[in-house]
Amino acid sequence: MSIKQSLSQNIQSFRLCRRQAMFLMAAGLTGCANIHENQDANNSKNRIRSFTDYWGKMSFWNGAVPNPTYTSYPVPVLRDNKVQIAYMVGRHIYGTAKGYLIWPPYEIAWFDPIGGKMIDETFVTPDYFGQTDDSGDPFKQSLLVQSVSGRELDNLMNRLFVLYDELFSAWMNNPSAPDNDKLQDAAREFLKIFDQVTEPALKPYYSFLGQDYFGWLRSVAREPSQQTSPTTVKP
């Protein structure tokens, strides 16, 4: 790979990370007052927070420059029989001699999808996700997203959050609804884009954390499951 190609790809990865740091979450990651249970999902569709307007702009950036942490894409999860929104948080460094480096997630923040309040935070190591990476070392495998231009990357991410909004409410309210078949094209598009804009090293972490949601998407899209063994998202 030429220096020019390497620089271009690193810039794309930086743009992806920077975009996820657009919105500073007022609550931060310090303390979780009041465990807040989900409200009844019935008739809640209009009260679900928008991924385009809210969840897609959330970050846990602490104001430092350069930003020392990355925030994952929002991950819909079924935890303790409640639908929640989870974010993985980990260390990252951009601009080193080796380019863009990220470490395995060290924390998960859990949120109520209706009120948007933080429910809990869990400090984790790779084995929580069924992985064997060393939490003290950056990932050794390629971290670069698939080769796309900066503008195309922005367009893909914007489209991804529109699809989140279209699909999440169906999954949350009635994942077994007969008319979910009409979401097949949207589910296929979501899975394709998510694969394009996600760092390869983090994909197994997303797969574990969002196993219920991604499994449902593959079912709606009529794609084969990637789940190789039963796993459970831990409290």
Protein backbone atom coordinates (compact mmCIF):
# COMPACT_ATOMS: atom_id res chain seq x y z
CA MET A 1 0.00 0.00 0.00
CA SER A 2 1.39 3.42 -0.92
CA ILE A 3 1.84 6.22 1.64
CA LYS A 4 -0.90 8.19 -0.15
CA GLN A 5 -3.36 5.26 0.04
CA SER A 6 -2.51 4.63 3.69
CA LEU A 7 -3.00 8.29 4.59
CA SER A 8 -6.32 8.40 2.74
CA GLN A 9 -7.64 5.33 4.56
CA ASN A 10 -6.47 6.62 7.95
CA ILE A 11 -8.22 9.92 7.29
CA GLN A 12 -11.42 8.01 6.50
CA SER A 13 -11.17 6.12 9.79
CA PHE A 14 -10.54 9.39 11.63
CA ARG A 15 -13.59 10.96 9.96
CA LEU A 16 -15.69 8.02 11.14
CA CYS A 17 -14.45 8.45 14.72
CA ARG A 18 -14.80 12.23 14.63
CA ARG A 19 -18.38 11.98 13.40
CA GLN A 20 -19.26 9.80 16.38
CA ALA A 21 -17.94 12.57 18.68
CA MET A 22 -20.30 15.27 17.37
CA PHE A 23 -22.52 15.32 20.42
CA LEU A 24 -21.23 15.63 23.99
CA MET A 25 -23.52 13.70 26.30
CA ALA A 26 -24.41 16.00 29.17
CA ALA A 27 -24.70 13.14 31.63
CA GLY A 28 -21.18 11.91 30.88
CA LEU A 29 -20.03 8.50 32.09
CA THR A 30 -19.72 9.31 35.79
CA GLY A 31 -22.34 7.77 38.01
CA CYS A 32 -25.71 6.36 37.10
CA ALA A 33 -28.40 7.78 39.34
CA ASN A 34 -31.66 5.88 39.44
CA ILE A 35 -31.98 2.62 37.53
CA HIS A 36 -34.68 3.47 35.02
CA GLU A 37 -36.81 0.60 33.67
CA ASN A 38 -38.25 0.66 30.18
CA GLN A 39 -41.77 1.92 29.88
CA ASP A 40 -44.38 -0.38 28.37
CA ALA A 41 -43.51 -0.82 24.69
CA ASN A 42 -47.19 -0.77 23.73
CA ASN A 43 -48.11 2.48 22.02
CA SER A 44 -44.54 3.71 22.55
CA LYS A 45 -43.52 3.99 18.91
CA ASN A 46 -43.85 7.77 18.80
CA ARG A 47 -41.85 8.13 22.02
CA ILE A 48 -38.80 6.13 20.95
CA ARG A 49 -35.75 8.32 20.62
CA SER A 50 -34.68 8.84 17.01
CA PHE A 51 -31.36 7.33 15.97
CA THR A 52 -30.94 10.03 13.35
CA ASP A 53 -31.62 12.90 15.75
CA TYR A 54 -30.38 11.50 19.05
CA TRP A 55 -28.66 8.14 19.32
CA GLY A 56 -26.54 8.67 16.21
CA LYS A 57 -25.11 11.91 17.60
CA MET A 58 -24.25 10.68 21.07
CA SER A 59 -20.66 10.43 22.17
CA PHE A 60 -18.80 10.17 25.44
CA TRP A 61 -16.06 12.57 24.45
CA ASN A 62 -14.64 14.25 27.54
CA GLY A 63 -13.51 17.39 25.70
CA ALA A 64 -9.85 16.39 25.40
CA VAL A 65 -8.02 17.05 22.13
CA PRO A 66 -7.28 14.70 20.55
CA ASN A 67 -10.21 12.62 21.69
CA PRO A 68 -8.75 9.70 23.71
CA THR A 69 -11.81 7.47 23.44
CA TYR A 70 -14.07 6.15 20.71
CA THR A 71 -17.79 5.55 21.02
CA SER A 72 -19.32 2.66 19.10
CA TYR A 73 -22.43 2.79 17.00
CA PRO A 74 -25.57 2.37 19.11
CA VAL A 75 -26.39 -1.29 19.65
CA PRO A 76 -30.00 -2.35 20.36
CA VAL A 77 -29.93 -5.11 22.97
CA LEU A 78 -32.30 -7.29 24.95
CA ARG A 79 -30.96 -7.20 28.50
CA ASP A 80 -32.81 -8.48 31.54
CA ASN A 81 -35.82 -8.93 29.23
CA LYS A 82 -35.82 -5.22 28.48
CA VAL A 83 -34.88 -3.45 25.27
CA GLN A 84 -31.96 -1.10 25.80
CA ILE A 85 -29.45 0.86 23.74
CA ALA A 86 -25.81 0.00 24.41
CA TYR A 87 -22.60 1.78 23.49
CA MET A 88 -19.12 0.33 23.66
CA VAL A 89 -16.41 2.74 24.75
CA GLY A 90 -12.70 2.20 24.27
CA ARG A 91 -9.37 3.88 23.97
CA HIS A 92 -8.07 5.13 20.64
CA ILE A 93 -5.16 7.12 19.29
CA TYR A 94 -5.01 8.83 15.93
CA GLY A 95 -1.88 10.23 14.31
CA THR A 96 0.75 7.82 15.62
CA ALA A 97 3.53 6.42 13.44
CA LYS A 98 1.30 3.38 13.00
CA GLY A 99 -1.73 5.46 12.07
CA TYR A 100 -5.10 4.90 13.74
CA LEU A 101 -4.99 2.58 16.76
CA ILE A 102 -7.90 1.36 18.86
CA TRP A 103 -8.09 -0.90 21.88
CA PRO A 104 -10.83 -3.36 22.83
CA PRO A 105 -13.83 -1.80 24.57
CA TYR A 106 -13.37 -1.26 28.29
CA GLU A 107 -16.89 -0.08 29.08
CA ILE A 108 -20.50 -0.49 28.02
CA ALA A 109 -23.07 2.23 28.71
CA TRP A 110 -26.71 1.15 28.78
CA PHE A 111 -29.62 3.47 27.99
CA ASP A 112 -33.41 3.49 27.97
CA PRO A 113 -34.52 3.85 24.32
CA ILE A 114 -37.64 5.79 25.22
CA GLY A 115 -36.56 8.34 27.82
CA GLY A 116 -32.92 8.38 26.73
CA LYS A 117 -31.67 8.10 30.31
CA MET A 118 -28.56 6.16 31.22
CA ILE A 119 -29.50 2.99 33.07
CA ASP A 120 -26.15 1.48 33.93
CA GLU A 121 -22.50 1.23 32.99
CA THR A 122 -20.41 -1.93 32.95
CA PHE A 123 -16.63 -2.11 32.87
CA VAL A 124 -15.60 -4.98 30.64
CA THR A 125 -12.68 -6.91 29.18
CA PRO A 126 -12.61 -8.82 25.87
CA ASP A 127 -13.66 -12.08 27.49
CA TYR A 128 -17.05 -10.51 28.27
CA PHE A 129 -17.63 -10.61 24.50
CA GLY A 130 -16.14 -14.08 24.13
CA GLN A 131 -12.93 -12.67 22.66
CA THR A 132 -9.29 -13.38 23.52
CA ASP A 133 -7.75 -10.01 22.63
CA ASP A 134 -5.41 -8.42 25.17
CA SER A 135 -7.23 -5.46 26.69
CA GLY A 136 -3.89 -3.70 27.24
CA ASP A 137 -2.81 -3.80 23.59
CA PRO A 138 -4.33 -2.18 20.51
CA PHE A 139 -5.89 -4.45 17.94
CA LYS A 140 -3.31 -5.95 15.59
CA GLN A 141 -5.67 -6.65 12.70
CA SER A 142 -6.67 -4.07 10.13
CA LEU A 143 -8.78 -1.29 11.60
CA LEU A 144 -9.65 0.39 8.34
CA VAL A 145 -13.16 0.56 7.04
CA GLN A 146 -13.71 -0.46 3.44
CA SER A 147 -12.23 1.97 0.97
CA VAL A 148 -14.75 4.74 0.33
CA SER A 149 -14.39 8.47 -0.11
CA GLY A 150 -14.97 10.78 2.84
CA ARG A 151 -18.22 12.09 1.39
CA GLU A 152 -19.45 8.59 0.60
CA LEU A 153 -18.64 7.52 4.15
CA ASP A 154 -20.72 10.38 5.53
CA ASN A 155 -23.60 9.48 3.21
CA LEU A 156 -23.46 5.83 4.25
CA MET A 157 -23.51 6.73 7.93
CA ASN A 158 -26.42 9.13 7.46
CA ARG A 159 -28.35 6.42 5.66
CA LEU A 160 -27.49 3.89 8.37
CA PHE A 161 -29.19 5.97 11.06
CA VAL A 162 -32.29 6.44 8.90
CA LEU A 163 -32.46 2.65 8.63
CA TYR A 164 -31.97 2.29 12.39
CA ASP A 165 -35.12 4.38 12.85
CA GLU A 166 -37.08 2.31 10.35
CA LEU A 167 -36.06 -1.05 11.75
CA PHE A 168 -35.63 -0.57 15.48
CA SER A 169 -39.24 0.35 16.25
CA ALA A 170 -40.44 -2.79 14.45
CA TRP A 171 -38.03 -4.96 16.43
CA MET A 172 -38.85 -3.32 19.75
CA ASN A 173 -42.62 -3.32 19.38
CA ASN A 174 -43.24 -6.67 17.67
CA PRO A 175 -40.27 -8.58 16.21
CA SER A 176 -42.61 -11.39 15.11
CA ALA A 177 -45.14 -9.23 13.29
CA PRO A 178 -46.21 -10.83 9.97
CA ASP A 179 -45.75 -7.56 8.08
CA ASN A 180 -42.06 -7.38 9.05
CA ASP A 181 -41.43 -9.13 5.72
CA LYS A 182 -41.83 -5.74 4.08
CA LEU A 183 -38.65 -4.68 5.87
CA GLN A 184 -36.50 -7.22 4.05
CA ASP A 185 -34.84 -4.69 1.72
CA ALA A 186 -34.19 -2.26 4.59
CA ALA A 187 -32.68 -5.02 6.72
CA ARG A 188 -30.39 -6.12 3.90
CA GLU A 189 -29.31 -2.54 3.26
CA PHE A 190 -28.63 -1.96 6.96
CA LEU A 191 -26.46 -5.07 7.26
CA LYS A 192 -24.52 -4.15 4.13
CA ILE A 193 -23.83 -0.58 5.26
CA PHE A 194 -23.01 -1.62 8.82
CA ASP A 195 -20.41 -4.03 7.46
CA GLN A 196 -18.93 -1.25 5.31
CA VAL A 197 -18.57 1.40 8.03
CA THR A 198 -17.51 -0.78 10.99
CA GLU A 199 -13.88 -1.40 11.88
CA PRO A 200 -13.18 -5.10 11.22
CA ALA A 201 -11.60 -5.59 14.66
CA LEU A 202 -14.82 -4.54 16.39
CA LYS A 203 -17.22 -6.66 14.34
CA PRO A 204 -17.19 -9.69 16.68
CA TYR A 205 -17.82 -7.34 19.60
CA TYR A 206 -20.87 -5.88 17.87
CA SER A 207 -22.05 -9.37 16.94
CA PHE A 208 -21.97 -10.54 20.54
CA LEU A 209 -23.46 -7.44 22.12
CA GLY A 210 -26.23 -7.04 19.55
CA GLN A 211 -26.87 -10.73 18.92
CA ASP A 212 -30.67 -10.45 19.32
CA TYR A 213 -31.03 -7.40 17.10
CA PHE A 214 -28.59 -8.49 14.40
CA GLY A 215 -30.03 -12.00 14.47
CA TRP A 216 -33.49 -10.52 13.87
CA LEU A 217 -32.14 -8.38 11.03
CA ARG A 218 -30.60 -11.42 9.34
CA SER A 219 -33.87 -13.28 9.77
CA VAL A 220 -35.87 -10.45 8.21
CA ALA A 221 -33.26 -10.10 5.46
CA ARG A 222 -33.34 -13.89 5.03
CA GLU A 223 -29.59 -14.12 5.41
CA PRO A 224 -27.84 -17.02 7.19
CA SER A 225 -27.12 -16.52 10.87
CA GLN A 226 -23.54 -15.78 11.92
CA GLN A 227 -24.14 -17.02 15.44
CA THR A 228 -22.02 -20.14 15.99
CA SER A 229 -22.89 -20.86 19.61
CA PRO A 230 -25.47 -19.73 22.17
CA THR A 231 -24.42 -16.64 24.11
CA THR A 232 -26.10 -14.34 26.57
CA VAL A 233 -25.67 -10.60 27.04
CA LYS A 234 -24.70 -10.29 30.67
CA PRO A 235 -26.26 -7.87 33.18
